Amino acid sequence: MATGSKTGHMGRKLRTKFCDRCGQPAPILFRVQYDESATWVFVCESCWASVSQDNPFYRYGGTWKARKNQ
């Protein structure tokens, strides 16, 4: 899981984070548990749809956004 930061429009921080499942950067990621290990990971919207549906191990833990409100 890689992270970083940049200063964006109007001085707000634009942060970068990658999906722990597919590795693609995304402006919004969901913190979830989705298997027996109960490990918290960040997944993009596409991966979230596949890991959350009909999954007894699924647990939602919050939403991460690239643009942090000040």
PDB file of N, CA and C in Angstrom:
ATOM      1  N   MET A   1       0.840  -1.165   0.000  1.00  0.00           N
ATOM      2  CA  MET A   1       0.000   0.000   0.000  1.00  0.00           C
ATOM      3  C   MET A   1       0.888   1.231   0.000  1.00  0.00           C
ATOM      4  N   ALA A   2       0.793   2.032  -1.048  1.00  0.00           N
ATOM      5  CA  ALA A   2       1.635   3.216  -1.179  1.00  0.00           C
ATOM      6  C   ALA A   2       0.829   4.473  -0.919  1.00  0.00           C
ATOM      7  N   THR A   3       1.457   5.449  -0.285  1.00  0.00           N
ATOM      8  CA  THR A   3       0.792   6.724  -0.044  1.00  0.00           C
ATOM      9  C   THR A   3       1.738   7.854  -0.370  1.00  0.00           C
ATOM     10  N   GLY A   4       1.197   9.036  -0.530  1.00  0.00           N
ATOM     11  CA  GLY A   4       2.000  10.215  -0.797  1.00  0.00           C
ATOM     12  C   GLY A   4       1.114  11.428  -0.655  1.00  0.00           C
ATOM     13  N   SER A   5       1.657  12.611  -0.910  1.00  0.00           N
ATOM     14  CA  SER A   5       0.812  13.787  -0.837  1.00  0.00           C
ATOM     15  C   SER A   5       1.325  14.867  -1.768  1.00  0.00           C
ATOM     16  N   LYS A   6       0.410  15.737  -2.214  1.00  0.00           N
ATOM     17  CA  LYS A   6       0.712  16.876  -3.060  1.00  0.00           C
ATOM     18  C   LYS A   6      -0.213  17.997  -2.629  1.00  0.00           C
ATOM     19  N   THR A   7       0.174  19.222  -2.918  1.00  0.00           N
ATOM     20  CA  THR A   7      -0.722  20.330  -2.656  1.00  0.00           C
ATOM     21  C   THR A   7      -1.546  20.566  -3.900  1.00  0.00           C
ATOM     22  N   GLY A   8      -2.856  20.621  -3.730  1.00  0.00           N
ATOM     23  CA  GLY A   8      -3.757  20.776  -4.857  1.00  0.00           C
ATOM     24  C   GLY A   8      -4.350  22.157  -4.931  1.00  0.00           C
ATOM     25  N   HIS A   9      -5.438  22.269  -5.632  1.00  0.00           N
ATOM     26  CA  HIS A   9      -6.159  23.516  -5.844  1.00  0.00           C
ATOM     27  C   HIS A   9      -6.559  24.155  -4.519  1.00  0.00           C
ATOM     28  N   MET A  10      -6.324  25.438  -4.385  1.00  0.00           N
ATOM     29  CA  MET A  10      -6.710  26.212  -3.200  1.00  0.00           C
ATOM     30  C   MET A  10      -5.993  25.727  -1.934  1.00  0.00           C
ATOM     31  N   GLY A  11      -4.825  25.118  -2.057  1.00  0.00           N
ATOM     32  CA  GLY A  11      -4.039  24.727  -0.904  1.00  0.00           C
ATOM     33  C   GLY A  11      -4.465  23.441  -0.219  1.00  0.00           C
ATOM     34  N   ARG A  12      -5.508  22.787  -0.711  1.00  0.00           N
ATOM     35  CA  ARG A  12      -5.924  21.518  -0.107  1.00  0.00           C
ATOM     36  C   ARG A  12      -4.956  20.426  -0.500  1.00  0.00           C
ATOM     37  N   LYS A  13      -4.769  19.474   0.380  1.00  0.00           N
ATOM     38  CA  LYS A  13      -3.871  18.369   0.075  1.00  0.00           C
ATOM     39  C   LYS A  13      -4.561  17.333  -0.794  1.00  0.00           C
ATOM     40  N   LEU A  14      -3.898  16.949  -1.876  1.00  0.00           N
ATOM     41  CA  LEU A  14      -4.337  15.840  -2.712  1.00  0.00           C
ATOM     42  C   LEU A  14      -3.473  14.650  -2.324  1.00  0.00           C
ATOM     43  N   ARG A  15      -4.105  13.634  -1.825  1.00  0.00           N
ATOM     44  CA  ARG A  15      -3.344  12.471  -1.378  1.00  0.00           C
ATOM     45  C   ARG A  15      -3.494  11.345  -2.390  1.00  0.00           C
ATOM     46  N   THR A  16      -2.518  10.462  -2.437  1.00  0.00           N
ATOM     47  CA  THR A  16      -2.544   9.334  -3.361  1.00  0.00           C
ATOM     48  C   THR A  16      -2.510   8.037  -2.565  1.00  0.00           C
ATOM     49  N   LYS A  17      -3.415   7.134  -2.906  1.00  0.00           N
ATOM     50  CA  LYS A  17      -3.430   5.822  -2.273  1.00  0.00           C
ATOM     51  C   LYS A  17      -3.876   4.813  -3.317  1.00  0.00           C
ATOM     52  N   PHE A  18      -3.403   3.598  -3.188  1.00  0.00           N
ATOM     53  CA  PHE A  18      -3.681   2.549  -4.167  1.00  0.00           C
ATOM     54  C   PHE A  18      -4.520   1.441  -3.551  1.00  0.00           C
ATOM     55  N   CYS A  19      -5.355   0.834  -4.372  1.00  0.00           N
ATOM     56  CA  CYS A  19      -6.180  -0.288  -3.938  1.00  0.00           C
ATOM     57  C   CYS A  19      -5.267  -1.453  -3.535  1.00  0.00           C
ATOM     58  N   ASP A  20      -5.512  -2.008  -2.356  1.00  0.00           N
ATOM     59  CA  ASP A  20      -4.704  -3.135  -1.887  1.00  0.00           C
ATOM     60  C   ASP A  20      -5.003  -4.424  -2.644  1.00  0.00           C
ATOM     61  N   ARG A  21      -6.081  -4.459  -3.375  1.00  0.00           N
ATOM     62  CA  ARG A  21      -6.445  -5.670  -4.102  1.00  0.00           C
ATOM     63  C   ARG A  21      -5.959  -5.649  -5.551  1.00  0.00           C
ATOM     64  N   CYS A  22      -6.251  -4.551  -6.289  1.00  0.00           N
ATOM     65  CA  CYS A  22      -5.871  -4.501  -7.712  1.00  0.00           C
ATOM     66  C   CYS A  22      -4.667  -3.604  -7.982  1.00  0.00           C
ATOM     67  N   GLY A  23      -4.279  -2.763  -7.014  1.00  0.00           N
ATOM     68  CA  GLY A  23      -3.098  -1.923  -7.166  1.00  0.00           C
ATOM     69  C   GLY A  23      -3.307  -0.618  -7.911  1.00  0.00           C
ATOM     70  N   GLN A  24      -4.539  -0.330  -8.338  1.00  0.00           N
ATOM     71  CA  GLN A  24      -4.812   0.886  -9.086  1.00  0.00           C
ATOM     72  C   GLN A  24      -5.032   2.070  -8.138  1.00  0.00           C
ATOM     73  N   PRO A  25      -4.580   3.274  -8.535  1.00  0.00           N
ATOM     74  CA  PRO A  25      -4.852   4.458  -7.718  1.00  0.00           C
ATOM     75  C   PRO A  25      -6.336   4.808  -7.816  1.00  0.00           C
ATOM     76  N   ALA A  26      -6.906   5.344  -6.739  1.00  0.00           N
ATOM     77  CA  ALA A  26      -8.325   5.704  -6.749  1.00  0.00           C
ATOM     78  C   ALA A  26      -8.565   6.909  -5.848  1.00  0.00           C
ATOM     79  N   PRO A  27      -9.493   7.797  -6.227  1.00  0.00           N
ATOM     80  CA  PRO A  27      -9.782   8.970  -5.407  1.00  0.00           C
ATOM     81  C   PRO A  27     -10.588   8.641  -4.153  1.00  0.00           C
ATOM     82  N   ILE A  28     -11.274   7.497  -4.163  1.00  0.00           N
ATOM     83  CA  ILE A  28     -12.037   7.043  -3.001  1.00  0.00           C
ATOM     84  C   ILE A  28     -11.755   5.564  -2.804  1.00  0.00           C
ATOM     85  N   LEU A  29     -11.418   5.196  -1.571  1.00  0.00           N
ATOM     86  CA  LEU A  29     -11.175   3.792  -1.229  1.00  0.00           C
ATOM     87  C   LEU A  29     -12.002   3.437   0.002  1.00  0.00           C
ATOM     88  N   PHE A  30     -12.376   2.182   0.107  1.00  0.00           N
ATOM     89  CA  PHE A  30     -13.165   1.703   1.232  1.00  0.00           C
ATOM     90  C   PHE A  30     -12.308   0.787   2.097  1.00  0.00           C
ATOM     91  N   ARG A  31     -12.311   1.052   3.402  1.00  0.00           N
ATOM     92  CA  ARG A  31     -11.564   0.224   4.351  1.00  0.00           C
ATOM     93  C   ARG A  31     -12.471  -0.945   4.719  1.00  0.00           C
ATOM     94  N   VAL A  32     -12.020  -2.154   4.405  1.00  0.00           N
ATOM     95  CA  VAL A  32     -12.858  -3.336   4.610  1.00  0.00           C
ATOM     96  C   VAL A  32     -12.037  -4.529   5.103  1.00  0.00           C
ATOM     97  N   GLN A  33     -12.762  -5.487   5.659  1.00  0.00           N
ATOM     98  CA  GLN A  33     -12.246  -6.832   5.902  1.00  0.00           C
ATOM     99  C   GLN A  33     -13.103  -7.724   5.014  1.00  0.00           C
ATOM    100  N   TYR A  34     -12.495  -8.684   4.318  1.00  0.00           N
ATOM    101  CA  TYR A  34     -13.315  -9.502   3.423  1.00  0.00           C
ATOM    102  C   TYR A  34     -12.951 -10.983   3.404  1.00  0.00           C
ATOM    103  N   ASP A  35     -12.050 -11.418   4.287  1.00  0.00           N
ATOM    104  CA  ASP A  35     -11.734 -12.844   4.322  1.00  0.00           C
ATOM    105  C   ASP A  35     -11.506 -13.293   5.761  1.00  0.00           C
ATOM    106  N   GLU A  36     -11.192 -14.567   5.934  1.00  0.00           N
ATOM    107  CA  GLU A  36     -11.026 -15.144   7.271  1.00  0.00           C
ATOM    108  C   GLU A  36      -9.915 -14.495   8.086  1.00  0.00           C
ATOM    109  N   SER A  37      -8.937 -13.874   7.427  1.00  0.00           N
ATOM    110  CA  SER A  37      -7.817 -13.268   8.148  1.00  0.00           C
ATOM    111  C   SER A  37      -8.247 -12.035   8.946  1.00  0.00           C
ATOM    112  N   ALA A  38      -9.370 -11.418   8.584  1.00  0.00           N
ATOM    113  CA  ALA A  38      -9.886 -10.207   9.236  1.00  0.00           C
ATOM    114  C   ALA A  38      -8.887  -9.051   9.181  1.00  0.00           C
ATOM    115  N   THR A  39      -8.052  -9.037   8.144  1.00  0.00           N
ATOM    116  CA  THR A  39      -7.091  -7.962   7.930  1.00  0.00           C
ATOM    117  C   THR A  39      -7.800  -6.776   7.284  1.00  0.00           C
ATOM    118  N   TRP A  40      -7.551  -5.566   7.805  1.00  0.00           N
ATOM    119  CA  TRP A  40      -8.134  -4.367   7.208  1.00  0.00           C
ATOM    120  C   TRP A  40      -7.325  -3.970   5.976  1.00  0.00           C
ATOM    121  N   VAL A  41      -8.010  -3.720   4.868  1.00  0.00           N
ATOM    122  CA  VAL A  41      -7.380  -3.295   3.622  1.00  0.00           C
ATOM    123  C   VAL A  41      -8.209  -2.172   3.010  1.00  0.00           C
ATOM    124  N   PHE A  42      -7.590  -1.422   2.080  1.00  0.00           N
ATOM    125  CA  PHE A  42      -8.296  -0.395   1.324  1.00  0.00           C
ATOM    126  C   PHE A  42      -8.552  -0.923  -0.078  1.00  0.00           C
ATOM    127  N   VAL A  43      -9.822  -0.870  -0.520  1.00  0.00           N
ATOM    128  CA  VAL A  43     -10.168  -1.346  -1.853  1.00  0.00           C
ATOM    129  C   VAL A  43     -10.914  -0.256  -2.629  1.00  0.00           C
ATOM    130  N   CYS A  44     -10.721  -0.255  -3.949  1.00  0.00           N
ATOM    131  CA  CYS A  44     -11.404   0.699  -4.824  1.00  0.00           C
ATOM    132  C   CYS A  44     -12.866   0.268  -4.997  1.00  0.00           C
ATOM    133  N   GLU A  45     -13.623   1.112  -5.672  1.00  0.00           N
ATOM    134  CA  GLU A  45     -15.051   0.828  -5.850  1.00  0.00           C
ATOM    135  C   GLU A  45     -15.300  -0.470  -6.608  1.00  0.00           C
ATOM    136  N   SER A  46     -14.493  -0.750  -7.636  1.00  0.00           N
ATOM    137  CA  SER A  46     -14.664  -1.992  -8.401  1.00  0.00           C
ATOM    138  C   SER A  46     -14.402  -3.217  -7.542  1.00  0.00           C
ATOM    139  N   CYS A  47     -13.315  -3.193  -6.797  1.00  0.00           N
ATOM    140  CA  CYS A  47     -12.987  -4.330  -5.933  1.00  0.00           C
ATOM    141  C   CYS A  47     -13.981  -4.445  -4.780  1.00  0.00           C
ATOM    142  N   TRP A  48     -14.439  -3.302  -4.272  1.00  0.00           N
ATOM    143  CA  TRP A  48     -15.410  -3.300  -3.184  1.00  0.00           C
ATOM    144  C   TRP A  48     -16.683  -4.054  -3.597  1.00  0.00           C
ATOM    145  N   ALA A  49     -17.138  -3.810  -4.821  1.00  0.00           N
ATOM    146  CA  ALA A  49     -18.351  -4.477  -5.295  1.00  0.00           C
ATOM    147  C   ALA A  49     -18.196  -5.996  -5.276  1.00  0.00           C
ATOM    148  N   SER A  50     -17.023  -6.488  -5.641  1.00  0.00           N
ATOM    149  CA  SER A  50     -16.835  -7.940  -5.697  1.00  0.00           C
ATOM    150  C   SER A  50     -16.576  -8.563  -4.321  1.00  0.00           C
ATOM    151  N   VAL A  51     -15.931  -7.852  -3.397  1.00  0.00           N
ATOM    152  CA  VAL A  51     -15.629  -8.454  -2.088  1.00  0.00           C
ATOM    153  C   VAL A  51     -16.777  -8.326  -1.093  1.00  0.00           C
ATOM    154  N   SER A  52     -17.685  -7.382  -1.319  1.00  0.00           N
ATOM    155  CA  SER A  52     -18.756  -7.158  -0.347  1.00  0.00           C
ATOM    156  C   SER A  52     -20.007  -8.003  -0.600  1.00  0.00           C
ATOM    157  N   GLN A  53     -20.241  -8.376  -1.833  1.00  0.00           N
ATOM    158  CA  GLN A  53     -21.472  -9.073  -2.194  1.00  0.00           C
ATOM    159  C   GLN A  53     -21.498 -10.513  -1.695  1.00  0.00           C
ATOM    160  N   ASP A  54     -22.526 -10.870  -0.945  1.00  0.00           N
ATOM    161  CA  ASP A  54     -22.732 -12.235  -0.427  1.00  0.00           C
ATOM    162  C   ASP A  54     -21.492 -12.790   0.271  1.00  0.00           C
ATOM    163  N   ASN A  55     -20.841 -11.978   1.078  1.00  0.00           N
ATOM    164  CA  ASN A  55     -19.608 -12.382   1.748  1.00  0.00           C
ATOM    165  C   ASN A  55     -19.807 -12.347   3.261  1.00  0.00           C
ATOM    166  N   PRO A  56     -19.807 -13.513   3.929  1.00  0.00           N
ATOM    167  CA  PRO A  56     -20.016 -13.535   5.384  1.00  0.00           C
ATOM    168  C   PRO A  56     -18.858 -12.910   6.177  1.00  0.00           C
ATOM    169  N   PHE A  57     -17.693 -12.741   5.555  1.00  0.00           N
ATOM    170  CA  PHE A  57     -16.536 -12.162   6.235  1.00  0.00           C
ATOM    171  C   PHE A  57     -16.438 -10.649   6.044  1.00  0.00           C
ATOM    172  N   TYR A  58     -17.306 -10.097   5.187  1.00  0.00           N
ATOM    173  CA  TYR A  58     -17.233  -8.684   4.853  1.00  0.00           C
ATOM    174  C   TYR A  58     -17.575  -7.799   6.050  1.00  0.00           C
ATOM    175  N   ARG A  59     -16.735  -6.759   6.233  1.00  0.00           N
ATOM    176  CA  ARG A  59     -16.969  -5.757   7.275  1.00  0.00           C
ATOM    177  C   ARG A  59     -16.449  -4.418   6.775  1.00  0.00           C
ATOM    178  N   TYR A  60     -17.287  -3.390   6.841  1.00  0.00           N
ATOM    179  CA  TYR A  60     -16.943  -2.039   6.392  1.00  0.00           C
ATOM    180  C   TYR A  60     -16.315  -1.259   7.541  1.00  0.00           C
ATOM    181  N   GLY A  61     -15.242  -0.503   7.245  1.00  0.00           N
ATOM    182  CA  GLY A  61     -14.559   0.241   8.291  1.00  0.00           C
ATOM    183  C   GLY A  61     -14.344   1.710   7.984  1.00  0.00           C
ATOM    184  N   GLY A  62     -14.956   2.240   6.941  1.00  0.00           N
ATOM    185  CA  GLY A  62     -14.829   3.662   6.652  1.00  0.00           C
ATOM    186  C   GLY A  62     -14.423   3.927   5.211  1.00  0.00           C
ATOM    187  N   THR A  63     -14.461   5.206   4.858  1.00  0.00           N
ATOM    188  CA  THR A  63     -14.131   5.636   3.500  1.00  0.00           C
ATOM    189  C   THR A  63     -12.958   6.600   3.528  1.00  0.00           C
ATOM    190  N   TRP A  64     -11.995   6.391   2.640  1.00  0.00           N
ATOM    191  CA  TRP A  64     -10.832   7.271   2.492  1.00  0.00           C
ATOM    192  C   TRP A  64     -11.027   8.076   1.221  1.00  0.00           C
ATOM    193  N   LYS A  65     -10.773   9.388   1.309  1.00  0.00           N
ATOM    194  CA  LYS A  65     -10.918  10.259   0.139  1.00  0.00           C
ATOM    195  C   LYS A  65      -9.614  11.005  -0.151  1.00  0.00           C
ATOM    196  N   ALA A  66      -9.281  11.144  -1.436  1.00  0.00           N
ATOM    197  CA  ALA A  66      -8.047  11.804  -1.851  1.00  0.00           C
ATOM    198  C   ALA A  66      -8.039  13.281  -1.465  1.00  0.00           C
ATOM    199  N   ARG A  67      -9.197  13.922  -1.535  1.00  0.00           N
ATOM    200  CA  ARG A  67      -9.312  15.322  -1.142  1.00  0.00           C
ATOM    201  C   ARG A  67      -9.813  15.380   0.288  1.00  0.00           C
ATOM    202  N   LYS A  68      -8.938  15.741   1.185  1.00  0.00           N
ATOM    203  CA  LYS A  68      -9.299  15.828   2.590  1.00  0.00           C
ATOM    204  C   LYS A  68      -9.885  17.206   2.869  1.00  0.00           C
ATOM    205  N   ASN A  69     -11.086  17.235   3.427  1.00  0.00           N
ATOM    206  CA  ASN A  69     -11.701  18.518   3.790  1.00  0.00           C
ATOM    207  C   ASN A  69     -10.976  19.099   4.995  1.00  0.00           C
ATOM    208  N   GLN A  70     -10.759  20.403   4.948  1.00  0.00           N
ATOM    209  CA  GLN A  70     -10.035  21.041   6.051  1.00  0.00           C
ATOM    210  C   GLN A  70     -10.970  21.569   7.089  1.00  0.00           C
TER     211      GLN A  70
END
